[in-house]
Amino acid sequence: MNRNLAAHLAVLIANIIYGANYSIAKSVMPEFIRPFGFIVIRVVVSAFLFSIVAFLFRRERIEKRDLFRLFLCAVFGVAVNQLLFFKGLSLTSPINSGLIMVTNPLFVLLLSSWYLRERITLRKAIGVLAGLTGATLLIQFGHLAASGSGNPLGDLCILINSCSYAVYLVMVIPLMRKYHPLTIMAVVFAFGSLLVLPFGWSEFQAINWNTFTSEIWWSTVFVVIGTTFFAYLFNTLALQELSPGIVSVYIYLQPLLAVGFSILLGKDTPHLLHLICGILILAGVRLTTAQAAVNQSQKP
């Protein structure tokens, strides 16, 4: 298979997993596992899996000068990203979460422009304004539209999580040119385990495993193995061939997938406000990333 096509397929699968995760993780939290306790399970198990796979298939020596950047990738890509996402998801609705996460390409654009000194055009500036307006409206009024547990604080956590993941996508690129994705994931999740344990250990200890039904066990396995191990791996593999902007553009799919899975699983129902905010956010992302996507697709 063509490497570019394989990269697009990898990031597509990752976003399908993420789209399902909104409702599946919501079914477990906070009744069975509180959000920070869930993150401890996700990160520690994934760190173990990445370490084993990297040891078996890819042994590389990390240069000391790269350890700090890897640590920062763990801060923004694992600790802040996952802690705030699950905290936000435990408070707000799956549909709100899916819509707000579409702001990720906007943050990638802003950070890439600063980091790579790229000029932000008027078109891109309008796109950023439209996208952030949609996200702000959803944070401010989304709790009035959610049939489940819409919450402004939860929406804000999802927005900060989106920005944090954008920082990770931009920061990890120089490392991708030097090391294999398995090596990067093993080190990043090892650092991430140390970072999340102080926040989630008490919630992890409070888990009553005897109350788990078979459905909750399978949901937990999906979140830990699918959303954490495989989705992170697929996204990182895709970054070997695609730019952070292109990888983040696939997040367009998440609102559609989040709504579909949410309705299918009976976790939430769509509202007119979701449609209005979704149009603003998607229009903003389209304006800011369309030309970047064309440029990337034209590269040999």
C-alpha atoms as a PDB file:
ATOM      1  CA  MET A   1       0.000   0.000   0.000  1.00  0.00           C
ATOM      2  CA  ASN A   2       1.182   3.553  -0.778  1.00  0.00           C
ATOM      3  CA  ARG A   3       2.728   5.148   2.342  1.00  0.00           C
ATOM      4  CA  ASN A   4       0.657   8.312   2.006  1.00  0.00           C
ATOM      5  CA  LEU A   5      -2.559   6.340   1.624  1.00  0.00           C
ATOM      6  CA  ALA A   6      -1.638   4.179   4.615  1.00  0.00           C
ATOM      7  CA  ALA A   7      -1.051   7.312   6.686  1.00  0.00           C
ATOM      8  CA  HIS A   8      -4.484   8.693   5.768  1.00  0.00           C
ATOM      9  CA  LEU A   9      -6.070   5.338   6.586  1.00  0.00           C
ATOM     10  CA  ALA A  10      -4.312   5.268   9.980  1.00  0.00           C
ATOM     11  CA  VAL A  11      -5.549   8.697  11.007  1.00  0.00           C
ATOM     12  CA  LEU A  12      -9.049   7.869   9.713  1.00  0.00           C
ATOM     13  CA  ILE A  13      -9.217   4.756  11.914  1.00  0.00           C
ATOM     14  CA  ALA A  14      -7.924   6.777  14.872  1.00  0.00           C
ATOM     15  CA  ASN A  15     -10.728   9.307  14.490  1.00  0.00           C
ATOM     16  CA  ILE A  16     -13.388   6.612  14.165  1.00  0.00           C
ATOM     17  CA  ILE A  17     -12.126   5.236  17.482  1.00  0.00           C
ATOM     18  CA  TYR A  18     -12.202   8.725  19.007  1.00  0.00           C
ATOM     19  CA  GLY A  19     -15.730   9.295  17.716  1.00  0.00           C
ATOM     20  CA  ALA A  20     -16.983   6.147  19.452  1.00  0.00           C
ATOM     21  CA  ASN A  21     -15.031   6.982  22.600  1.00  0.00           C
ATOM     22  CA  TYR A  22     -17.212   9.981  23.525  1.00  0.00           C
ATOM     23  CA  SER A  23     -20.275   7.853  24.270  1.00  0.00           C
ATOM     24  CA  ILE A  24     -18.496   4.668  25.362  1.00  0.00           C
ATOM     25  CA  ALA A  25     -16.320   6.441  27.937  1.00  0.00           C
ATOM     26  CA  LYS A  26     -19.338   8.469  29.080  1.00  0.00           C
ATOM     27  CA  SER A  27     -21.162   5.204  29.898  1.00  0.00           C
ATOM     28  CA  VAL A  28     -18.426   4.318  32.393  1.00  0.00           C
ATOM     29  CA  MET A  29     -17.911   7.741  33.997  1.00  0.00           C
ATOM     30  CA  PRO A  30     -18.434   8.801  36.667  1.00  0.00           C
ATOM     31  CA  GLU A  31     -20.689   6.053  38.024  1.00  0.00           C
ATOM     32  CA  PHE A  32     -18.151   3.226  37.753  1.00  0.00           C
ATOM     33  CA  ILE A  33     -14.829   5.010  37.307  1.00  0.00           C
ATOM     34  CA  ARG A  34     -14.161   8.670  38.049  1.00  0.00           C
ATOM     35  CA  PRO A  35     -12.323  10.544  35.281  1.00  0.00           C
ATOM     36  CA  PHE A  36      -8.837  10.881  36.795  1.00  0.00           C
ATOM     37  CA  GLY A  37      -8.873   7.275  37.961  1.00  0.00           C
ATOM     38  CA  PHE A  38      -9.742   6.252  34.416  1.00  0.00           C
ATOM     39  CA  ILE A  39      -6.757   8.213  33.116  1.00  0.00           C
ATOM     40  CA  VAL A  40      -4.406   6.343  35.450  1.00  0.00           C
ATOM     41  CA  ILE A  41      -5.620   3.050  33.973  1.00  0.00           C
ATOM     42  CA  ARG A  42      -5.347   4.358  30.390  1.00  0.00           C
ATOM     43  CA  VAL A  43      -1.876   5.825  30.678  1.00  0.00           C
ATOM     44  CA  VAL A  44      -0.212   3.164  32.825  1.00  0.00           C
ATOM     45  CA  VAL A  45      -1.559   0.256  30.754  1.00  0.00           C
ATOM     46  CA  SER A  46      -0.650   1.993  27.495  1.00  0.00           C
ATOM     47  CA  ALA A  47       2.844   2.820  28.790  1.00  0.00           C
ATOM     48  CA  PHE A  48       3.336  -0.872  29.535  1.00  0.00           C
ATOM     49  CA  LEU A  49       2.044  -1.945  26.096  1.00  0.00           C
ATOM     50  CA  PHE A  50       4.111   0.621  24.190  1.00  0.00           C
ATOM     51  CA  SER A  51       7.230  -0.334  26.146  1.00  0.00           C
ATOM     52  CA  ILE A  52       6.783  -4.038  25.428  1.00  0.00           C
ATOM     53  CA  VAL A  53       6.112  -3.506  21.716  1.00  0.00           C
ATOM     54  CA  ALA A  54       9.008  -1.037  21.361  1.00  0.00           C
ATOM     55  CA  PHE A  55      11.355  -3.449  23.143  1.00  0.00           C
ATOM     56  CA  LEU A  56      10.350  -6.325  20.864  1.00  0.00           C
ATOM     57  CA  PHE A  57      10.311  -4.494  17.534  1.00  0.00           C
ATOM     58  CA  ARG A  58      12.232  -1.228  17.808  1.00  0.00           C
ATOM     59  CA  ARG A  59      15.111  -0.563  20.206  1.00  0.00           C
ATOM     60  CA  GLU A  60      16.542   2.941  19.922  1.00  0.00           C
ATOM     61  CA  ARG A  61      18.751   5.061  22.139  1.00  0.00           C
ATOM     62  CA  ILE A  62      17.242   8.427  23.040  1.00  0.00           C
ATOM     63  CA  GLU A  63      19.634  11.367  23.003  1.00  0.00           C
ATOM     64  CA  LYS A  64      19.704  13.282  26.302  1.00  0.00           C
ATOM     65  CA  ARG A  65      18.948  16.579  24.581  1.00  0.00           C
ATOM     66  CA  ASP A  66      15.613  15.169  23.352  1.00  0.00           C
ATOM     67  CA  LEU A  67      14.376  14.033  26.757  1.00  0.00           C
ATOM     68  CA  PHE A  68      13.002  17.441  27.722  1.00  0.00           C
ATOM     69  CA  ARG A  69      10.994  17.723  24.497  1.00  0.00           C
ATOM     70  CA  LEU A  70       9.656  14.200  25.074  1.00  0.00           C
ATOM     71  CA  PHE A  71       8.713  15.227  28.602  1.00  0.00           C
ATOM     72  CA  LEU A  72       6.833  18.262  27.254  1.00  0.00           C
ATOM     73  CA  CYS A  73       5.062  15.990  24.752  1.00  0.00           C
ATOM     74  CA  ALA A  74       3.967  13.894  27.728  1.00  0.00           C
ATOM     75  CA  VAL A  75       2.726  17.002  29.558  1.00  0.00           C
ATOM     76  CA  PHE A  76       0.618  18.314  26.662  1.00  0.00           C
ATOM     77  CA  GLY A  77      -0.140  15.105  24.742  1.00  0.00           C
ATOM     78  CA  VAL A  78      -0.879  12.790  27.662  1.00  0.00           C
ATOM     79  CA  ALA A  79      -1.293  14.459  31.067  1.00  0.00           C
ATOM     80  CA  VAL A  80      -3.093  17.754  30.348  1.00  0.00           C
ATOM     81  CA  ASN A  81      -4.796  16.371  27.250  1.00  0.00           C
ATOM     82  CA  GLN A  82      -6.248  13.244  28.817  1.00  0.00           C
ATOM     83  CA  LEU A  83      -6.973  14.573  32.309  1.00  0.00           C
ATOM     84  CA  LEU A  84      -8.943  17.541  30.996  1.00  0.00           C
ATOM     85  CA  PHE A  85     -10.687  15.551  28.263  1.00  0.00           C
ATOM     86  CA  PHE A  86     -12.054  12.934  30.639  1.00  0.00           C
ATOM     87  CA  LYS A  87     -12.882  15.515  33.299  1.00  0.00           C
ATOM     88  CA  GLY A  88     -14.753  17.543  30.698  1.00  0.00           C
ATOM     89  CA  LEU A  89     -16.501  14.510  29.216  1.00  0.00           C
ATOM     90  CA  SER A  90     -17.654  13.419  32.685  1.00  0.00           C
ATOM     91  CA  LEU A  91     -19.370  16.816  33.093  1.00  0.00           C
ATOM     92  CA  THR A  92     -20.730  17.649  29.637  1.00  0.00           C
ATOM     93  CA  SER A  93     -22.469  15.806  26.799  1.00  0.00           C
ATOM     94  CA  PRO A  94     -20.834  13.674  24.078  1.00  0.00           C
ATOM     95  CA  ILE A  95     -22.176  15.958  21.327  1.00  0.00           C
ATOM     96  CA  ASN A  96     -20.779  19.113  22.965  1.00  0.00           C
ATOM     97  CA  SER A  97     -17.414  17.378  23.403  1.00  0.00           C
ATOM     98  CA  GLY A  98     -17.267  16.247  19.782  1.00  0.00           C
ATOM     99  CA  LEU A  99     -18.091  19.707  18.448  1.00  0.00           C
ATOM    100  CA  ILE A 100     -15.589  21.548  20.645  1.00  0.00           C
ATOM    101  CA  MET A 101     -12.776  19.138  19.729  1.00  0.00           C
ATOM    102  CA  VAL A 102     -13.093  20.369  16.131  1.00  0.00           C
ATOM    103  CA  THR A 103     -11.301  23.544  17.279  1.00  0.00           C
ATOM    104  CA  ASN A 104      -8.078  21.483  17.301  1.00  0.00           C
ATOM    105  CA  PRO A 105      -7.045  22.400  13.708  1.00  0.00           C
ATOM    106  CA  LEU A 106      -7.513  26.078  14.593  1.00  0.00           C
ATOM    107  CA  PHE A 107      -5.080  25.768  17.475  1.00  0.00           C
ATOM    108  CA  VAL A 108      -2.687  23.775  15.272  1.00  0.00           C
ATOM    109  CA  LEU A 109      -2.774  26.631  12.753  1.00  0.00           C
ATOM    110  CA  LEU A 110      -2.033  29.285  15.380  1.00  0.00           C
ATOM    111  CA  LEU A 111       0.766  27.291  16.966  1.00  0.00           C
ATOM    112  CA  SER A 112       2.305  26.304  13.621  1.00  0.00           C
ATOM    113  CA  SER A 113       2.182  29.927  12.507  1.00  0.00           C
ATOM    114  CA  TRP A 114       4.057  30.979  15.629  1.00  0.00           C
ATOM    115  CA  TYR A 115       6.476  28.049  15.645  1.00  0.00           C
ATOM    116  CA  LEU A 116       7.169  28.046  11.894  1.00  0.00           C
ATOM    117  CA  ARG A 117       6.796  31.823  11.485  1.00  0.00           C
ATOM    118  CA  GLU A 118       4.054  31.371   8.891  1.00  0.00           C
ATOM    119  CA  ARG A 119       1.890  34.403   8.091  1.00  0.00           C
ATOM    120  CA  ILE A 120      -1.787  34.248   9.061  1.00  0.00           C
ATOM    121  CA  THR A 121      -3.873  35.554   6.140  1.00  0.00           C
ATOM    122  CA  LEU A 122      -7.166  37.440   6.457  1.00  0.00           C
ATOM    123  CA  ARG A 123      -9.010  34.286   5.377  1.00  0.00           C
ATOM    124  CA  LYS A 124      -7.366  32.280   8.131  1.00  0.00           C
ATOM    125  CA  ALA A 125      -8.009  35.015  10.696  1.00  0.00           C
ATOM    126  CA  ILE A 126     -11.732  34.996   9.808  1.00  0.00           C
ATOM    127  CA  GLY A 127     -11.700  31.209  10.102  1.00  0.00           C
ATOM    128  CA  VAL A 128     -10.129  31.307  13.558  1.00  0.00           C
ATOM    129  CA  LEU A 129     -12.685  33.928  14.670  1.00  0.00           C
ATOM    130  CA  ALA A 130     -15.621  31.872  13.348  1.00  0.00           C
ATOM    131  CA  GLY A 131     -14.391  28.652  14.923  1.00  0.00           C
ATOM    132  CA  LEU A 132     -13.695  30.167  18.310  1.00  0.00           C
ATOM    133  CA  THR A 133     -17.068  31.957  18.219  1.00  0.00           C
ATOM    134  CA  GLY A 134     -18.812  28.628  17.718  1.00  0.00           C
ATOM    135  CA  ALA A 135     -16.855  27.036  20.552  1.00  0.00           C
ATOM    136  CA  THR A 136     -17.553  30.005  22.856  1.00  0.00           C
ATOM    137  CA  LEU A 137     -21.305  29.881  22.148  1.00  0.00           C
ATOM    138  CA  LEU A 138     -21.336  26.165  22.840  1.00  0.00           C
ATOM    139  CA  ILE A 139     -19.471  26.611  26.130  1.00  0.00           C
ATOM    140  CA  GLN A 140     -21.744  29.469  27.179  1.00  0.00           C
ATOM    141  CA  PHE A 141     -25.116  27.981  26.187  1.00  0.00           C
ATOM    142  CA  GLY A 142     -24.464  24.297  25.407  1.00  0.00           C
ATOM    143  CA  HIS A 143     -25.769  23.151  28.785  1.00  0.00           C
ATOM    144  CA  LEU A 144     -29.202  24.520  27.809  1.00  0.00           C
ATOM    145  CA  ALA A 145     -29.289  22.315  24.703  1.00  0.00           C
ATOM    146  CA  ALA A 146     -27.838  19.087  26.075  1.00  0.00           C
ATOM    147  CA  SER A 147     -30.324  16.377  26.973  1.00  0.00           C
ATOM    148  CA  GLY A 148     -27.672  14.787  29.160  1.00  0.00           C
ATOM    149  CA  SER A 149     -25.192  16.632  31.359  1.00  0.00           C
ATOM    150  CA  GLY A 150     -24.123  19.723  29.436  1.00  0.00           C
ATOM    151  CA  ASN A 151     -21.892  21.892  31.594  1.00  0.00           C
ATOM    152  CA  PRO A 152     -19.894  25.092  30.860  1.00  0.00           C
ATOM    153  CA  LEU A 153     -16.949  23.962  32.989  1.00  0.00           C
ATOM    154  CA  GLY A 154     -16.900  20.611  31.196  1.00  0.00           C
ATOM    155  CA  ASP A 155     -17.010  22.345  27.809  1.00  0.00           C
ATOM    156  CA  LEU A 156     -14.119  24.612  28.863  1.00  0.00           C
ATOM    157  CA  CYS A 157     -12.064  21.571  29.890  1.00  0.00           C
ATOM    158  CA  ILE A 158     -12.632  20.053  26.435  1.00  0.00           C
ATOM    159  CA  LEU A 159     -11.543  23.310  24.765  1.00  0.00           C
ATOM    160  CA  ILE A 160      -8.294  23.509  26.787  1.00  0.00           C
ATOM    161  CA  ASN A 161      -7.723  19.822  26.045  1.00  0.00           C
ATOM    162  CA  SER A 162      -8.077  20.572  22.319  1.00  0.00           C
ATOM    163  CA  CYS A 163      -5.434  23.303  22.579  1.00  0.00           C
ATOM    164  CA  SER A 164      -3.126  21.026  24.573  1.00  0.00           C
ATOM    165  CA  TYR A 165      -3.325  18.281  21.947  1.00  0.00           C
ATOM    166  CA  ALA A 166      -2.491  20.847  19.263  1.00  0.00           C
ATOM    167  CA  VAL A 167       0.685  21.742  21.187  1.00  0.00           C
ATOM    168  CA  TYR A 168       1.582  18.048  21.244  1.00  0.00           C
ATOM    169  CA  LEU A 169       1.024  17.621  17.489  1.00  0.00           C
ATOM    170  CA  VAL A 170       3.342  20.522  16.712  1.00  0.00           C
ATOM    171  CA  MET A 171       6.013  19.619  19.278  1.00  0.00           C
ATOM    172  CA  VAL A 172       6.312  15.951  18.325  1.00  0.00           C
ATOM    173  CA  ILE A 173       7.184  16.609  14.662  1.00  0.00           C
ATOM    174  CA  PRO A 174      10.968  17.158  15.142  1.00  0.00           C
ATOM    175  CA  LEU A 175      11.102  13.917  17.143  1.00  0.00           C
ATOM    176  CA  MET A 176       9.330  12.041  14.358  1.00  0.00           C
ATOM    177  CA  ARG A 177      12.270  12.829  12.065  1.00  0.00           C
ATOM    178  CA  LYS A 178      14.701  11.104  14.438  1.00  0.00           C
ATOM    179  CA  TYR A 179      12.887   8.233  16.142  1.00  0.00           C
ATOM    180  CA  HIS A 180      10.336   5.543  15.364  1.00  0.00           C
ATOM    181  CA  PRO A 181       6.758   6.200  16.612  1.00  0.00           C
ATOM    182  CA  LEU A 182       6.949   3.195  18.967  1.00  0.00           C
ATOM    183  CA  THR A 183      10.010   4.661  20.656  1.00  0.00           C
ATOM    184  CA  ILE A 184       8.336   8.043  21.040  1.00  0.00           C
ATOM    185  CA  MET A 185       5.121   6.571  22.428  1.00  0.00           C
ATOM    186  CA  ALA A 186       6.965   4.363  24.914  1.00  0.00           C
ATOM    187  CA  VAL A 187       8.917   7.297  26.362  1.00  0.00           C
ATOM    188  CA  VAL A 188       6.032   9.789  26.240  1.00  0.00           C
ATOM    189  CA  PHE A 189       3.653   7.426  28.041  1.00  0.00           C
ATOM    190  CA  ALA A 190       6.322   6.494  30.595  1.00  0.00           C
ATOM    191  CA  PHE A 191       6.654  10.180  31.469  1.00  0.00           C
ATOM    192  CA  GLY A 192       2.874  10.504  31.290  1.00  0.00           C
ATOM    193  CA  SER A 193       2.391   7.768  33.876  1.00  0.00           C
ATOM    194  CA  LEU A 194       4.503   9.691  36.381  1.00  0.00           C
ATOM    195  CA  LEU A 195       2.555  12.874  35.654  1.00  0.00           C
ATOM    196  CA  VAL A 196      -0.993  11.499  36.031  1.00  0.00           C
ATOM    197  CA  LEU A 197      -0.479   9.230  39.053  1.00  0.00           C
ATOM    198  CA  PRO A 198      -0.562  12.070  41.643  1.00  0.00           C
ATOM    199  CA  PHE A 199      -3.852  13.355  40.188  1.00  0.00           C
ATOM    200  CA  GLY A 200      -5.671  10.050  39.753  1.00  0.00           C
ATOM    201  CA  TRP A 201      -4.327   7.603  42.324  1.00  0.00           C
ATOM    202  CA  SER A 202      -7.037   8.272  44.935  1.00  0.00           C
ATOM    203  CA  GLU A 203      -9.794   7.900  42.320  1.00  0.00           C
ATOM    204  CA  PHE A 204      -8.176   4.711  41.041  1.00  0.00           C
ATOM    205  CA  GLN A 205      -8.145   3.246  44.544  1.00  0.00           C
ATOM    206  CA  ALA A 206     -11.843   4.125  44.935  1.00  0.00           C
ATOM    207  CA  ILE A 207     -12.911   1.938  41.974  1.00  0.00           C
ATOM    208  CA  ASN A 208     -15.285  -0.846  43.024  1.00  0.00           C
ATOM    209  CA  TRP A 209     -14.453  -3.513  40.450  1.00  0.00           C
ATOM    210  CA  ASN A 210     -17.184  -5.845  41.758  1.00  0.00           C
ATOM    211  CA  THR A 211     -19.900  -3.529  40.422  1.00  0.00           C
ATOM    212  CA  PHE A 212     -18.726  -3.853  36.803  1.00  0.00           C
ATOM    213  CA  THR A 213     -21.108  -5.513  34.357  1.00  0.00           C
ATOM    214  CA  SER A 214     -19.795  -7.221  31.231  1.00  0.00           C
ATOM    215  CA  GLU A 215     -20.765  -4.114  29.230  1.00  0.00           C
ATOM    216  CA  ILE A 216     -18.724  -1.860  31.524  1.00  0.00           C
ATOM    217  CA  TRP A 217     -15.721  -4.205  31.305  1.00  0.00           C
ATOM    218  CA  TRP A 218     -15.814  -4.153  27.489  1.00  0.00           C
ATOM    219  CA  SER A 219     -16.270  -0.374  27.470  1.00  0.00           C
ATOM    220  CA  THR A 220     -13.261   0.011  29.753  1.00  0.00           C
ATOM    221  CA  VAL A 221     -11.149  -2.256  27.541  1.00  0.00           C
ATOM    222  CA  PHE A 222     -12.168  -0.262  24.459  1.00  0.00           C
ATOM    223  CA  VAL A 223     -11.199   3.042  26.069  1.00  0.00           C
ATOM    224  CA  VAL A 224      -7.880   1.761  27.431  1.00  0.00           C
ATOM    225  CA  ILE A 225      -6.703  -0.365  24.489  1.00  0.00           C
ATOM    226  CA  GLY A 226      -8.542   1.185  21.549  1.00  0.00           C
ATOM    227  CA  THR A 227      -8.679   4.896  22.324  1.00  0.00           C
ATOM    228  CA  THR A 228      -5.331   5.139  24.069  1.00  0.00           C
ATOM    229  CA  PHE A 229      -2.971   2.528  22.652  1.00  0.00           C
ATOM    230  CA  PHE A 230      -4.183   2.106  19.060  1.00  0.00           C
ATOM    231  CA  ALA A 231      -5.519   5.624  18.384  1.00  0.00           C
ATOM    232  CA  TYR A 232      -2.351   7.304  19.659  1.00  0.00           C
ATOM    233  CA  LEU A 233      -0.228   4.834  17.699  1.00  0.00           C
ATOM    234  CA  PHE A 234      -2.185   5.372  14.462  1.00  0.00           C
ATOM    235  CA  ASN A 235      -2.027   9.169  14.774  1.00  0.00           C
ATOM    236  CA  THR A 236       1.705   9.073  15.459  1.00  0.00           C
ATOM    237  CA  LEU A 237       2.320   6.732  12.520  1.00  0.00           C
ATOM    238  CA  ALA A 238       0.367   9.131  10.303  1.00  0.00           C
ATOM    239  CA  LEU A 239       2.599  12.031  11.396  1.00  0.00           C
ATOM    240  CA  GLN A 240       5.515  10.292   9.690  1.00  0.00           C
ATOM    241  CA  GLU A 241       3.919  11.119   6.322  1.00  0.00           C
ATOM    242  CA  LEU A 242       1.428  13.920   7.024  1.00  0.00           C
ATOM    243  CA  SER A 243       1.733  17.370   8.569  1.00  0.00           C
ATOM    244  CA  PRO A 244       0.120  18.217  11.945  1.00  0.00           C
ATOM    245  CA  GLY A 245      -2.421  20.349  10.057  1.00  0.00           C
ATOM    246  CA  ILE A 246      -3.557  17.463   7.869  1.00  0.00           C
ATOM    247  CA  VAL A 247      -3.768  15.052  10.821  1.00  0.00           C
ATOM    248  CA  SER A 248      -5.823  17.580  12.775  1.00  0.00           C
ATOM    249  CA  VAL A 249      -8.153  18.152   9.796  1.00  0.00           C
ATOM    250  CA  TYR A 250      -9.446  14.595  10.194  1.00  0.00           C
ATOM    251  CA  ILE A 251     -10.969  15.743  13.456  1.00  0.00           C
ATOM    252  CA  TYR A 252     -13.748  17.157  11.195  1.00  0.00           C
ATOM    253  CA  LEU A 253     -15.215  13.670  11.369  1.00  0.00           C
ATOM    254  CA  GLN A 254     -15.492  13.575  15.149  1.00  0.00           C
ATOM    255  CA  PRO A 255     -18.694  15.645  15.581  1.00  0.00           C
ATOM    256  CA  LEU A 256     -20.507  13.509  12.986  1.00  0.00           C
ATOM    257  CA  LEU A 257     -19.217  10.310  14.554  1.00  0.00           C
ATOM    258  CA  ALA A 258     -19.867  11.541  18.107  1.00  0.00           C
ATOM    259  CA  VAL A 259     -23.449  12.459  17.225  1.00  0.00           C
ATOM    260  CA  GLY A 260     -24.002   9.148  15.423  1.00  0.00           C
ATOM    261  CA  PHE A 261     -22.652   6.992  18.234  1.00  0.00           C
ATOM    262  CA  SER A 262     -24.364   9.145  20.876  1.00  0.00           C
ATOM    263  CA  ILE A 263     -27.785   8.763  19.239  1.00  0.00           C
ATOM    264  CA  LEU A 264     -27.192   5.082  18.498  1.00  0.00           C
ATOM    265  CA  LEU A 265     -26.272   4.390  22.130  1.00  0.00           C
ATOM    266  CA  GLY A 266     -29.004   6.669  23.520  1.00  0.00           C
ATOM    267  CA  LYS A 267     -26.580   8.995  25.327  1.00  0.00           C
ATOM    268  CA  ASP A 268     -27.692  12.341  23.877  1.00  0.00           C
ATOM    269  CA  THR A 269     -29.900  14.018  21.261  1.00  0.00           C
ATOM    270  CA  PRO A 270     -28.960  16.771  18.780  1.00  0.00           C
ATOM    271  CA  HIS A 271     -30.255  20.341  19.192  1.00  0.00           C
ATOM    272  CA  LEU A 272     -30.473  23.410  16.931  1.00  0.00           C
ATOM    273  CA  LEU A 273     -27.669  25.059  18.932  1.00  0.00           C
ATOM    274  CA  HIS A 274     -25.404  22.117  18.104  1.00  0.00           C
ATOM    275  CA  LEU A 275     -26.093  22.677  14.400  1.00  0.00           C
ATOM    276  CA  ILE A 276     -25.387  26.434  14.569  1.00  0.00           C
ATOM    277  CA  CYS A 277     -22.198  26.051  16.598  1.00  0.00           C
ATOM    278  CA  GLY A 278     -21.108  23.110  14.469  1.00  0.00           C
ATOM    279  CA  ILE A 279     -21.497  25.155  11.267  1.00  0.00           C
ATOM    280  CA  LEU A 280     -19.436  28.009  12.752  1.00  0.00           C
ATOM    281  CA  ILE A 281     -16.676  25.681  13.951  1.00  0.00           C
ATOM    282  CA  LEU A 282     -16.508  23.622  10.758  1.00  0.00           C
ATOM    283  CA  ALA A 283     -16.577  26.766   8.595  1.00  0.00           C
ATOM    284  CA  GLY A 284     -13.740  28.180  10.654  1.00  0.00           C
ATOM    285  CA  VAL A 285     -11.674  25.038  10.339  1.00  0.00           C
ATOM    286  CA  ARG A 286     -12.389  24.884   6.600  1.00  0.00           C
ATOM    287  CA  LEU A 287     -11.225  28.468   6.077  1.00  0.00           C
ATOM    288  CA  THR A 288      -8.035  28.023   8.077  1.00  0.00           C
ATOM    289  CA  THR A 289      -6.894  24.649   6.764  1.00  0.00           C
ATOM    290  CA  ALA A 290      -8.183  24.250   3.198  1.00  0.00           C
ATOM    291  CA  GLN A 291      -5.103  25.700   1.506  1.00  0.00           C
ATOM    292  CA  ALA A 292      -2.758  23.766   3.808  1.00  0.00           C
ATOM    293  CA  ALA A 293      -4.499  20.546   2.838  1.00  0.00           C
ATOM    294  CA  VAL A 294      -4.087  21.351  -0.862  1.00  0.00           C
ATOM    295  CA  ASN A 295      -0.412  22.133  -0.426  1.00  0.00           C
ATOM    296  CA  GLN A 296       0.164  18.907   1.489  1.00  0.00           C
ATOM    297  CA  SER A 297      -1.659  16.790  -1.098  1.00  0.00           C
ATOM    298  CA  GLN A 298       0.454  18.275  -3.884  1.00  0.00           C
ATOM    299  CA  LYS A 299       3.752  17.273  -2.281  1.00  0.00           C
ATOM    300  CA  PRO A 300       5.519  14.374  -4.086  1.00  0.00           C
END
